[in-house]
Amino acid sequence: MDRFVTKKREYTGKVQFDFGCVDKQHCGEFAKIPNGRMAMSMADSQTQYCYECCSTENCNRNMCDHTHHSSCIDDESFDCALLNSMFSICKNIEKAKRICPKYCDQCHVVDGNWSPWTPWSVCDVSCENGTRSRVRSCTNPAPQYGGLNCSGDSVEFKLCHRQLCPVHGDWSEWVEWSSCSATCGVGMQSRTRTCTNPIPDRFGDHCFGHSLEDRLCYPGWCANIWSDWQSWSSCSQDCGDGFRTRSRTCSNPSPFISKGTCTGNSTDIDSCNNEKCNSTDCYEVLRKQNNAGSGVYSVALWKSKQTIQIYCDMKTDNGGWTVFQYRFNGSVDFYRNFTEYENGFGNLETEFWLGLKSVQEMASQGKTELRLDLTAADGTTVYETFQNFYLDEGPNYTLHIDPGTGTAGDSEGLSYNNGHHFSTYDVDRDSTSSKNCAVNRHGGWWYKSCSYVNLNGEYVTPGTVRPGEAWGGTVYSSFQHTRSLKVVKMMFRRV
């Protein structure tokens, strides 16, 4: 023990040994370092060993700075057995492996060391703020034979930032149910919600489901009432006074939601007068019966008061047209004498010619327009209208029209025949003496020195040219030249 003592002095009744500890290393957990020196109180029978203490100046530094020898040998300047008995140096592996490795059996001690850090991981979120991490392990080398473990953290974290996250829409609360749509019987209620809790943003999903809900509601039983009256039936008489009826049912509401029976009659009867008998042309039929459809009507001519049957076109250009010539399949022969053209022939439900006498009287009621509707073999349709149409009274029935307008064209059209008389094979009133145009063109028409238009000519295969005399077919030169037409219709209407 004397070999370690450098000074001895009395201190408050205690013996204190001062050692030359110049590096101010801690001397165990319970040691004190007054005035920069390390000390151990012997008087207090201190039981804790001060592992850093020694007997010479600077020996503490020598102990701390002592390095491993190239081979496992103990430091000659230290008595390992004494150090261990006095200070249990073998318990301090760090010192033992430097000073007394062989004595303390620390020759194979391996202190642990960190492996390199792994690369940073990807951000742990796909949007907004998250973290990245990296790790290392105490394996470079791993501690062995009591060696020290690595100091520090094996995992590191750092913040990472991504783009803002999408906002997915969600439904608001349902609003209150609406009032019942019926005051009795069965009705409907509805309620709504909106995709605003929150509103979808940044390509977020829209709300799934419905924004509207409906349900039945039952306010209570209804008293039975009549349904609405049905439409009036047709007048019982086609002409003059008659009667009409209408009906209703005691089914509003249905018996499943009502009680009681209806009072009153289920049928209503009213007098009527069919005004079709008093009309003079299709224009007046449409004026008196706004919803009149196309078809055959009875009219009384305005001068002669003669009742005749006519066919009315109520669809073309707002309707009101009186059709006086119609051809579409060649079922009626139009190579007729003058009397037949004057009085009319054919069937109003198929092909027909109304008659010059009736056309002249109806067209003289007021300012009138003439319309031609033409269809070629390929289905192409055109039309041409002529204002100020009228015919002189018989026997000539001279044609009067203004130049035409429309899609058929009039450069070689009906205007060529303006101011000329109507001719047939037996009454030749054309303006040429060299031939009978009605015979040459196989029809009846307002021939001049014949005509560019021959809508009453022979009906041959549509799209073909009539053999022999090409102009003798059903032709309109400004439209299809001499190729025969498929459908032709002539009609007039008061303006």
Protein backbone atom coordinates (compact mmCIF):
# COMPACT_ATOMS: atom_id res chain seq x y z
CA MET A 1 0.00 0.00 0.00
CA ASP A 2 2.93 2.41 0.83
CA ARG A 3 4.15 2.38 -2.75
CA PHE A 4 0.98 4.29 -3.83
CA VAL A 5 1.18 7.07 -1.19
CA THR A 6 2.69 10.43 -2.16
CA LYS A 7 1.30 12.64 0.58
CA LYS A 8 -0.39 12.15 3.89
CA ARG A 9 -2.12 14.84 5.83
CA GLU A 10 -4.73 15.27 8.48
CA TYR A 11 -8.11 16.52 7.28
CA THR A 12 -11.00 16.94 9.66
CA GLY A 13 -10.13 13.79 11.48
CA LYS A 14 -9.90 11.72 8.34
CA VAL A 15 -6.91 10.36 6.53
CA GLN A 16 -6.89 11.38 2.89
CA PHE A 17 -4.45 10.18 0.31
CA ASP A 18 -3.77 12.40 -2.64
CA PHE A 19 -2.82 10.77 -5.94
CA GLY A 20 -1.37 12.43 -8.95
CA CYS A 21 -4.49 12.35 -11.11
CA VAL A 22 -3.99 15.21 -13.51
CA ASP A 23 -6.48 14.26 -16.24
CA LYS A 24 -9.56 14.69 -14.05
CA GLN A 25 -10.98 11.35 -15.02
CA HIS A 26 -13.94 10.13 -12.91
CA CYS A 27 -12.78 7.77 -10.19
CA GLY A 28 -15.88 5.64 -9.95
CA GLU A 29 -19.39 6.82 -9.19
CA PHE A 30 -18.70 7.95 -5.62
CA ALA A 31 -15.29 9.70 -6.00
CA LYS A 32 -14.81 13.43 -5.48
CA ILE A 33 -12.41 15.68 -7.33
CA PRO A 34 -11.53 18.61 -5.02
CA ASN A 35 -9.02 21.12 -6.47
CA GLY A 36 -8.62 19.05 -9.58
CA ARG A 37 -7.23 15.97 -7.84
CA MET A 38 -8.72 12.60 -7.38
CA ALA A 39 -8.88 11.24 -3.86
CA MET A 40 -10.02 8.27 -1.87
CA SER A 41 -10.85 8.50 1.86
CA MET A 42 -9.32 5.58 3.78
CA ALA A 43 -10.81 6.68 7.12
CA ASP A 44 -14.32 6.09 5.86
CA SER A 45 -13.39 2.57 4.82
CA GLN A 46 -14.56 3.37 1.33
CA THR A 47 -15.75 0.19 -0.33
CA GLN A 48 -16.09 1.51 -3.87
CA TYR A 49 -12.90 1.07 -5.87
CA CYS A 50 -11.44 3.96 -7.73
CA TYR A 51 -10.28 2.30 -10.94
CA GLU A 52 -8.48 5.33 -12.34
CA CYS A 53 -6.14 5.99 -9.41
CA CYS A 54 -2.40 5.26 -9.32
CA SER A 55 0.74 6.27 -7.32
CA THR A 56 2.79 8.49 -9.65
CA GLU A 57 2.31 11.80 -11.35
CA ASN A 58 0.59 11.52 -14.73
CA CYS A 59 -0.04 7.86 -14.21
CA ASN A 60 -3.74 8.45 -14.74
CA ARG A 61 -3.04 9.80 -18.23
CA ASN A 62 -0.76 6.88 -18.90
CA MET A 63 -3.53 4.50 -17.94
CA CYS A 64 -6.07 6.28 -20.10
CA ASP A 65 -3.80 6.58 -23.12
CA HIS A 66 -2.44 3.09 -22.87
CA THR A 67 -2.88 1.24 -26.16
CA HIS A 68 -2.97 -2.39 -27.10
CA HIS A 69 0.32 -4.10 -27.66
CA SER A 70 0.91 -5.87 -30.88
CA SER A 71 0.55 -9.13 -28.97
CA CYS A 72 -1.57 -9.95 -25.99
CA ILE A 73 0.78 -8.92 -23.15
CA ASP A 74 0.29 -7.03 -19.91
CA ASP A 75 1.84 -3.61 -19.32
CA GLU A 76 5.10 -4.12 -17.36
CA SER A 77 4.70 -0.89 -15.44
CA PHE A 78 1.53 -2.12 -13.73
CA ASP A 79 1.02 -4.86 -11.23
CA CYS A 80 -2.13 -6.42 -12.67
CA ALA A 81 -2.75 -8.67 -9.72
CA LEU A 82 -2.50 -5.79 -7.29
CA LEU A 83 -4.64 -3.51 -9.48
CA ASN A 84 -7.28 -6.14 -9.69
CA SER A 85 -7.23 -6.85 -5.96
CA MET A 86 -7.25 -3.17 -5.08
CA PHE A 87 -9.49 -1.76 -7.80
CA SER A 88 -10.97 -4.79 -9.58
CA ILE A 89 -9.55 -3.56 -12.84
CA CYS A 90 -10.62 -6.75 -14.65
CA LYS A 91 -14.21 -5.62 -14.21
CA ASN A 92 -13.48 -2.57 -16.35
CA ILE A 93 -13.10 -4.26 -19.71
CA GLU A 94 -12.05 -1.02 -21.41
CA LYS A 95 -9.03 -0.62 -19.08
CA ALA A 96 -8.33 -4.30 -18.69
CA LYS A 97 -7.90 -4.90 -22.40
CA ARG A 98 -5.37 -2.04 -22.58
CA ILE A 99 -3.30 -2.66 -19.45
CA CYS A 100 -3.76 -6.23 -18.29
CA PRO A 101 -5.34 -8.08 -21.20
CA LYS A 102 -3.57 -11.32 -20.57
CA TYR A 103 -4.10 -11.30 -16.83
CA CYS A 104 -7.77 -10.37 -17.17
CA ASP A 105 -8.30 -12.84 -20.02
CA GLN A 106 -9.24 -10.07 -22.43
CA CYS A 107 -6.99 -11.00 -25.32
CA HIS A 108 -9.86 -11.85 -27.62
CA VAL A 109 -12.16 -8.98 -26.77
CA VAL A 110 -13.66 -7.43 -29.87
CA ASP A 111 -15.50 -4.11 -29.54
CA GLY A 112 -18.50 -3.70 -31.77
CA ASN A 113 -18.48 -1.22 -34.65
CA TRP A 114 -21.28 0.09 -36.88
CA SER A 115 -21.84 -1.10 -40.38
CA PRO A 116 -22.35 1.65 -43.03
CA TRP A 117 -25.78 3.26 -43.11
CA THR A 118 -28.23 1.74 -45.58
CA PRO A 119 -29.64 4.09 -48.28
CA TRP A 120 -32.59 6.21 -47.17
CA SER A 121 -35.92 4.43 -47.56
CA VAL A 122 -38.65 5.84 -49.78
CA CYS A 123 -41.09 8.23 -48.16
CA ASP A 124 -43.65 6.28 -46.12
CA VAL A 125 -46.59 8.31 -47.53
CA SER A 126 -47.75 9.00 -51.08
CA CYS A 127 -48.82 12.56 -50.39
CA GLU A 128 -48.15 15.41 -47.94
CA ASN A 129 -45.62 14.89 -45.05
CA GLY A 130 -43.99 11.63 -44.03
CA THR A 131 -40.66 10.21 -42.97
CA ARG A 132 -37.72 8.37 -44.48
CA SER A 133 -35.41 6.12 -42.52
CA ARG A 134 -32.08 4.36 -42.72
CA VAL A 135 -30.49 1.73 -40.49
CA ARG A 136 -27.11 0.37 -39.51
CA SER A 137 -26.06 -2.62 -37.43
CA CYS A 138 -23.32 -3.25 -34.90
CA THR A 139 -21.71 -5.88 -37.09
CA ASN A 140 -18.58 -4.26 -38.45
CA PRO A 141 -17.43 -6.17 -36.41
CA ALA A 142 -19.99 -7.41 -33.94
CA PRO A 143 -18.87 -7.29 -30.27
CA GLN A 144 -17.35 -10.56 -29.05
CA TYR A 145 -15.98 -11.97 -25.84
CA GLY A 146 -17.35 -9.15 -23.73
CA GLY A 147 -16.38 -6.37 -26.12
CA LEU A 148 -18.27 -3.10 -26.04
CA ASN A 149 -21.45 -2.69 -28.01
CA CYS A 150 -21.77 0.13 -30.50
CA SER A 151 -22.85 3.46 -29.06
CA GLY A 152 -25.45 5.59 -30.80
CA ASP A 153 -28.68 4.87 -32.67
CA SER A 154 -29.19 2.08 -35.14
CA VAL A 155 -32.02 3.94 -36.91
CA GLU A 156 -32.21 7.50 -38.20
CA PHE A 157 -35.30 9.35 -39.49
CA LYS A 158 -35.83 12.50 -41.52
CA LEU A 159 -38.89 14.30 -42.89
CA CYS A 160 -40.02 13.96 -46.49
CA HIS A 161 -42.58 16.04 -48.39
CA ARG A 162 -44.92 14.93 -51.19
CA GLN A 163 -47.60 16.77 -53.16
CA LEU A 164 -50.85 17.63 -51.45
CA CYS A 165 -53.21 14.70 -51.07
CA PRO A 166 -56.45 14.52 -53.16
CA VAL A 167 -59.60 15.40 -51.32
CA HIS A 168 -62.27 12.73 -51.72
CA GLY A 169 -65.84 13.96 -51.66
CA ASP A 170 -68.33 12.88 -49.07
CA TRP A 171 -72.04 13.39 -48.69
CA SER A 172 -73.66 16.07 -46.58
CA GLU A 173 -76.46 15.11 -44.25
CA TRP A 174 -79.83 14.46 -45.89
CA VAL A 175 -82.17 17.45 -45.80
CA GLU A 176 -85.61 17.01 -44.32
CA TRP A 177 -88.23 15.12 -46.36
CA SER A 178 -90.35 17.38 -48.58
CA SER A 179 -94.06 17.76 -48.07
CA CYS A 180 -96.23 14.98 -49.48
CA SER A 181 -97.21 15.66 -53.10
CA ALA A 182 -100.82 14.68 -52.37
CA THR A 183 -103.21 15.90 -49.71
CA CYS A 184 -104.93 12.53 -49.61
CA GLY A 185 -104.43 9.04 -50.94
CA VAL A 186 -100.91 8.25 -52.07
CA GLY A 187 -98.22 10.79 -52.81
CA MET A 188 -94.46 11.12 -52.98
CA GLN A 189 -91.85 12.71 -50.79
CA SER A 190 -88.25 13.39 -51.61
CA ARG A 191 -85.09 14.55 -49.94
CA THR A 192 -81.66 15.50 -51.21
CA ARG A 193 -78.06 15.66 -50.16
CA THR A 194 -74.97 17.18 -51.73
CA CYS A 195 -71.39 16.06 -52.26
CA THR A 196 -69.98 18.89 -50.17
CA ASN A 197 -68.64 17.29 -47.00
CA PRO A 198 -66.04 17.91 -48.33
CA ILE A 199 -66.26 18.92 -51.98
CA PRO A 200 -63.97 16.73 -54.13
CA ASP A 201 -60.71 18.51 -54.93
CA ARG A 202 -57.35 17.76 -56.52
CA PHE A 203 -58.73 14.84 -58.54
CA GLY A 204 -60.35 13.25 -55.51
CA ASP A 205 -63.20 10.77 -55.92
CA HIS A 206 -66.72 12.04 -56.26
CA CYS A 207 -69.37 10.77 -53.89
CA PHE A 208 -70.82 7.37 -54.70
CA GLY A 209 -74.56 6.83 -54.47
CA HIS A 210 -77.61 8.96 -55.18
CA SER A 211 -78.25 12.57 -54.26
CA LEU A 212 -82.04 12.10 -54.32
CA GLU A 213 -84.30 9.71 -52.43
CA ASP A 214 -88.04 9.24 -52.88
CA ARG A 215 -90.64 7.47 -50.81
CA LEU A 216 -94.38 7.02 -50.77
CA CYS A 217 -96.50 9.00 -48.36
CA TYR A 218 -100.09 8.45 -47.24
CA PRO A 219 -101.80 11.59 -45.91
CA GLY A 220 -105.11 9.75 -45.54
CA TRP A 221 -108.13 8.51 -47.45
CA CYS A 222 -109.48 10.61 -50.32
CA ALA A 223 -113.11 11.24 -51.17
CA ASN A 224 -113.85 9.86 -54.64
CA ILE A 225 -114.11 12.46 -57.42
CA TRP A 226 -114.61 12.26 -61.17
CA SER A 227 -111.73 11.93 -63.59
CA ASP A 228 -111.34 14.63 -66.24
CA TRP A 229 -113.77 14.48 -69.15
CA GLN A 230 -112.46 12.61 -72.17
CA SER A 231 -112.37 14.32 -75.56
CA TRP A 232 -115.64 14.84 -77.43
CA SER A 233 -116.52 12.17 -79.93
CA SER A 234 -116.91 13.01 -83.63
CA CYS A 235 -120.14 14.65 -84.65
CA SER A 236 -122.84 12.09 -85.47
CA GLN A 237 -123.45 13.79 -88.82
CA ASP A 238 -120.86 14.45 -91.50
CA CYS A 239 -122.81 17.50 -92.56
CA GLY A 240 -125.31 19.67 -90.67
CA ASP A 241 -126.65 19.25 -87.16
CA GLY A 242 -125.85 16.21 -85.05
CA PHE A 243 -124.68 15.32 -81.57
CA ARG A 244 -121.48 14.33 -79.84
CA THR A 245 -120.63 12.70 -76.52
CA ARG A 246 -117.93 12.58 -73.92
CA SER A 247 -117.45 10.48 -70.79
CA ARG A 248 -115.68 10.36 -67.47
CA THR A 249 -115.03 7.72 -64.81
CA CYS A 250 -115.34 7.61 -61.04
CA SER A 251 -111.72 6.62 -60.64
CA ASN A 252 -109.90 9.66 -59.34
CA PRO A 253 -108.30 8.52 -57.16
CA SER A 254 -108.36 4.75 -57.47
CA PRO A 255 -110.58 2.70 -55.12
CA PHE A 256 -107.51 1.55 -53.18
CA ILE A 257 -106.97 5.00 -51.70
CA SER A 258 -110.48 6.41 -51.60
CA LYS A 259 -113.87 5.89 -50.09
CA GLY A 260 -117.37 6.64 -51.30
CA THR A 261 -118.88 7.09 -54.76
CA CYS A 262 -119.10 10.01 -57.23
CA THR A 263 -122.27 12.02 -57.76
CA GLY A 264 -123.44 13.07 -61.22
CA ASN A 265 -123.44 11.53 -64.69
CA SER A 266 -120.60 9.69 -66.36
CA THR A 267 -121.73 10.73 -69.88
CA ASP A 268 -122.31 14.18 -71.40
CA ILE A 269 -124.16 14.84 -74.69
CA ASP A 270 -123.90 18.02 -76.78
CA SER A 271 -125.24 19.20 -80.13
CA CYS A 272 -122.83 19.80 -83.01
CA ASN A 273 -122.76 21.10 -86.56
CA ASN A 274 -120.20 19.67 -88.94
CA GLU A 275 -118.78 22.68 -90.70
CA LYS A 276 -117.02 20.60 -93.36
CA CYS A 277 -120.27 20.87 -95.33
CA ASN A 278 -119.88 24.61 -95.54
CA SER A 279 -116.21 24.77 -96.61
CA THR A 280 -115.33 25.82 -100.15
CA ASP A 281 -111.76 24.47 -100.37
CA CYS A 282 -109.01 22.92 -98.25
CA TYR A 283 -107.83 26.34 -97.10
CA GLU A 284 -111.20 26.93 -95.41
CA VAL A 285 -111.34 23.38 -94.00
CA LEU A 286 -108.02 24.02 -92.22
CA ARG A 287 -109.18 27.44 -90.99
CA LYS A 288 -112.32 25.97 -89.43
CA GLN A 289 -110.66 22.77 -88.17
CA ASN A 290 -107.19 23.64 -87.03
CA ASN A 291 -106.23 20.01 -86.35
CA ALA A 292 -107.67 18.61 -89.59
CA GLY A 293 -105.52 15.89 -91.17
CA SER A 294 -104.79 15.11 -94.80
CA GLY A 295 -107.57 13.25 -96.57
CA VAL A 296 -110.83 13.48 -98.51
CA TYR A 297 -113.34 16.22 -97.58
CA SER A 298 -116.72 17.37 -98.91
CA VAL A 299 -116.88 21.05 -99.89
CA ALA A 300 -119.48 23.30 -101.45
CA LEU A 301 -118.10 25.42 -104.30
CA TRP A 302 -118.45 29.11 -103.53
CA LYS A 303 -120.31 30.12 -106.72
CA SER A 304 -122.16 27.11 -108.02
CA LYS A 305 -122.82 25.72 -104.52
CA GLN A 306 -122.11 22.33 -106.00
CA THR A 307 -120.90 19.79 -103.39
CA ILE A 308 -117.82 17.87 -104.47
CA GLN A 309 -115.20 15.62 -102.94
CA ILE A 310 -111.64 16.95 -102.80
CA TYR A 311 -108.34 15.72 -101.39
CA CYS A 312 -106.60 18.07 -98.90
CA ASP A 313 -102.87 18.08 -98.09
CA MET A 314 -102.67 19.35 -94.48
CA LYS A 315 -98.96 18.63 -93.94
CA THR A 316 -96.97 20.32 -96.72
CA ASP A 317 -95.87 23.85 -95.85
CA ASN A 318 -98.46 24.33 -93.05
CA GLY A 319 -101.26 22.62 -95.01
CA GLY A 320 -104.48 23.95 -96.60
CA TRP A 321 -103.57 22.73 -100.13
CA THR A 322 -106.28 21.49 -102.51
CA VAL A 323 -104.73 18.74 -104.60
CA PHE A 324 -105.98 18.67 -108.20
CA GLN A 325 -103.50 16.24 -109.80
CA TYR A 326 -101.64 13.27 -108.28
CA ARG A 327 -99.65 10.51 -110.00
CA PHE A 328 -97.32 7.94 -108.46
CA ASN A 329 -97.71 4.52 -110.12
CA GLY A 330 -99.40 4.87 -113.54
CA SER A 331 -102.59 3.09 -112.43
CA VAL A 332 -104.77 5.80 -114.10
CA ASP A 333 -104.47 6.62 -117.81
CA PHE A 334 -104.10 10.41 -118.32
CA TYR A 335 -104.48 10.30 -122.12
CA ARG A 336 -108.09 11.59 -121.88
CA ASN A 337 -110.46 13.77 -123.95
CA PHE A 338 -111.30 17.36 -123.14
CA THR A 339 -114.61 16.62 -121.33
CA GLU A 340 -112.88 14.26 -118.93
CA TYR A 341 -110.19 16.85 -118.18
CA GLU A 342 -112.90 19.45 -117.64
CA ASN A 343 -114.95 17.34 -115.19
CA GLY A 344 -112.19 15.25 -113.61
CA PHE A 345 -111.31 11.56 -113.47
CA GLY A 346 -109.53 8.93 -111.38
CA ASN A 347 -109.80 8.07 -107.65
CA LEU A 348 -109.09 10.60 -104.88
CA GLU A 349 -107.51 7.82 -102.82
CA THR A 350 -105.02 6.93 -105.59
CA GLU A 351 -104.30 8.80 -108.88
CA PHE A 352 -106.67 11.51 -110.10
CA TRP A 353 -107.32 14.78 -111.92
CA LEU A 354 -109.82 17.02 -110.08
CA GLY A 355 -111.26 18.77 -113.16
CA LEU A 356 -110.62 22.15 -114.78
CA LYS A 357 -114.10 23.41 -113.99
CA SER A 358 -113.75 22.90 -110.22
CA VAL A 359 -110.14 24.17 -110.14
CA GLN A 360 -111.14 27.33 -112.00
CA GLU A 361 -114.00 28.12 -109.56
CA MET A 362 -112.02 27.46 -106.36
CA ALA A 363 -108.93 29.36 -107.56
CA SER A 364 -111.08 32.41 -108.37
CA GLN A 365 -112.10 33.00 -104.72
CA GLY A 366 -109.04 35.15 -104.06
CA LYS A 367 -105.31 35.43 -104.53
CA THR A 368 -104.04 31.87 -104.98
CA GLU A 369 -100.67 30.14 -105.28
CA LEU A 370 -99.86 26.98 -107.25
CA ARG A 371 -97.36 24.35 -106.02
CA LEU A 372 -95.73 21.42 -107.86
CA ASP A 373 -94.09 18.62 -105.85
CA LEU A 374 -91.86 16.30 -107.90
CA THR A 375 -89.97 13.10 -107.02
CA ALA A 376 -87.29 11.57 -109.24
CA ALA A 377 -86.63 7.86 -109.67
CA ASP A 378 -83.85 7.94 -107.06
CA GLY A 379 -86.15 9.52 -104.47
CA THR A 380 -84.89 13.09 -104.84
CA THR A 381 -87.71 15.55 -104.14
CA VAL A 382 -88.09 19.15 -105.33
CA TYR A 383 -90.86 21.73 -105.48
CA GLU A 384 -91.77 24.92 -107.33
CA THR A 385 -94.40 27.51 -106.37
CA PHE A 386 -96.10 30.05 -108.65
CA GLN A 387 -97.97 33.06 -107.29
CA ASN A 388 -101.16 34.61 -108.72
CA PHE A 389 -102.43 31.35 -110.13
CA TYR A 390 -105.84 31.29 -111.84
CA LEU A 391 -107.59 29.87 -114.90
CA ASP A 392 -109.90 31.68 -117.28
CA GLU A 393 -113.42 30.30 -117.42
CA GLY A 394 -114.15 27.63 -120.02
CA PRO A 395 -113.89 26.64 -122.66
CA ASN A 396 -110.21 27.63 -122.87
CA TYR A 397 -109.15 27.51 -119.16
CA THR A 398 -106.15 29.67 -120.00
CA LEU A 399 -103.26 29.36 -117.49
CA HIS A 400 -102.07 32.44 -115.55
CA ILE A 401 -99.05 32.28 -113.15
CA ASP A 402 -96.07 34.37 -112.04
CA PRO A 403 -92.53 33.00 -112.55
CA GLY A 404 -91.78 30.07 -110.24
CA THR A 405 -89.59 29.90 -107.14
CA GLY A 406 -88.32 26.77 -105.43
CA THR A 407 -85.90 23.89 -105.91
CA ALA A 408 -87.27 22.39 -109.16
CA GLY A 409 -86.28 25.41 -111.28
CA ASP A 410 -88.28 27.34 -113.87
CA SER A 411 -85.79 28.13 -116.64
CA GLU A 412 -87.45 25.36 -118.66
CA GLY A 413 -90.49 25.01 -116.46
CA LEU A 414 -94.17 25.77 -116.29
CA SER A 415 -93.77 29.53 -116.94
CA TYR A 416 -93.19 28.63 -120.59
CA ASN A 417 -96.91 27.72 -120.77
CA ASN A 418 -98.18 30.90 -119.08
CA GLY A 419 -101.03 32.52 -121.03
CA HIS A 420 -101.90 29.43 -123.10
CA HIS A 421 -105.08 27.39 -123.41
CA PHE A 422 -105.62 23.83 -122.23
CA SER A 423 -105.47 21.28 -125.09
CA THR A 424 -106.31 17.60 -125.48
CA TYR A 425 -106.06 15.18 -128.39
CA ASP A 426 -109.68 15.98 -129.38
CA VAL A 427 -109.58 19.74 -128.68
CA ASP A 428 -106.41 21.23 -130.14
CA ARG A 429 -105.83 24.76 -128.77
CA ASP A 430 -102.02 24.87 -128.78
CA SER A 431 -100.15 27.65 -130.61
CA THR A 432 -98.56 25.52 -133.33
CA SER A 433 -100.29 24.52 -136.54
CA SER A 434 -97.72 21.91 -137.50
CA LYS A 435 -98.87 19.28 -135.02
CA ASN A 436 -101.24 18.45 -132.22
CA CYS A 437 -99.09 18.77 -129.09
CA ALA A 438 -101.55 16.75 -126.99
CA VAL A 439 -101.20 13.83 -129.41
CA ASN A 440 -97.43 14.32 -129.76
CA ARG A 441 -96.92 14.54 -125.98
CA HIS A 442 -99.58 11.89 -125.17
CA GLY A 443 -101.47 13.98 -122.60
CA GLY A 444 -103.52 17.06 -121.86
CA TRP A 445 -101.81 20.36 -120.98
CA TRP A 446 -101.52 24.09 -121.51
CA TYR A 447 -99.41 23.50 -124.60
CA LYS A 448 -97.73 26.39 -126.36
CA SER A 449 -95.68 25.05 -129.24
CA CYS A 450 -95.76 22.00 -127.04
CA SER A 451 -93.96 22.23 -123.62
CA TYR A 452 -90.94 21.67 -121.38
CA VAL A 453 -93.33 20.37 -118.71
CA ASN A 454 -95.69 17.47 -119.37
CA LEU A 455 -96.92 16.20 -116.01
CA ASN A 456 -100.00 14.59 -117.62
CA GLY A 457 -97.89 12.66 -120.18
CA GLU A 458 -97.50 8.92 -120.36
CA TYR A 459 -96.31 7.29 -117.09
CA VAL A 460 -93.29 5.18 -118.07
CA THR A 461 -90.64 3.55 -115.88
CA PRO A 462 -89.30 6.33 -113.62
CA GLY A 463 -85.87 7.53 -114.64
CA THR A 464 -86.22 6.30 -118.24
CA VAL A 465 -86.94 8.27 -121.42
CA ARG A 466 -90.16 7.53 -123.27
CA PRO A 467 -89.46 5.72 -126.57
CA GLY A 468 -90.26 7.68 -129.70
CA GLU A 469 -91.15 11.13 -128.43
CA ALA A 470 -89.02 11.72 -125.32
CA TRP A 471 -91.11 14.71 -124.22
CA GLY A 472 -94.19 12.51 -124.12
CA GLY A 473 -93.28 11.08 -120.70
CA THR A 474 -94.07 12.56 -117.29
CA VAL A 475 -91.28 15.17 -117.49
CA TYR A 476 -90.15 18.46 -115.96
CA SER A 477 -87.13 19.67 -117.97
CA SER A 478 -85.55 21.99 -115.37
CA PHE A 479 -85.38 19.07 -112.92
CA GLN A 480 -84.77 15.79 -114.80
CA HIS A 481 -84.91 16.94 -118.45
CA THR A 482 -86.69 14.12 -120.36
CA ARG A 483 -86.29 11.40 -117.72
CA SER A 484 -89.71 10.40 -116.47
CA LEU A 485 -90.59 11.27 -112.88
CA LYS A 486 -91.73 8.85 -110.19
CA VAL A 487 -94.26 11.04 -108.31
CA VAL A 488 -95.93 14.33 -109.33
CA LYS A 489 -98.46 16.38 -107.40
CA MET A 490 -100.16 19.67 -108.34
CA MET A 491 -102.13 21.66 -105.76
CA PHE A 492 -103.23 25.22 -104.97
CA ARG A 493 -104.00 27.28 -101.88
CA ARG A 494 -105.48 30.70 -101.22
CA VAL A 495 -102.93 33.17 -99.84
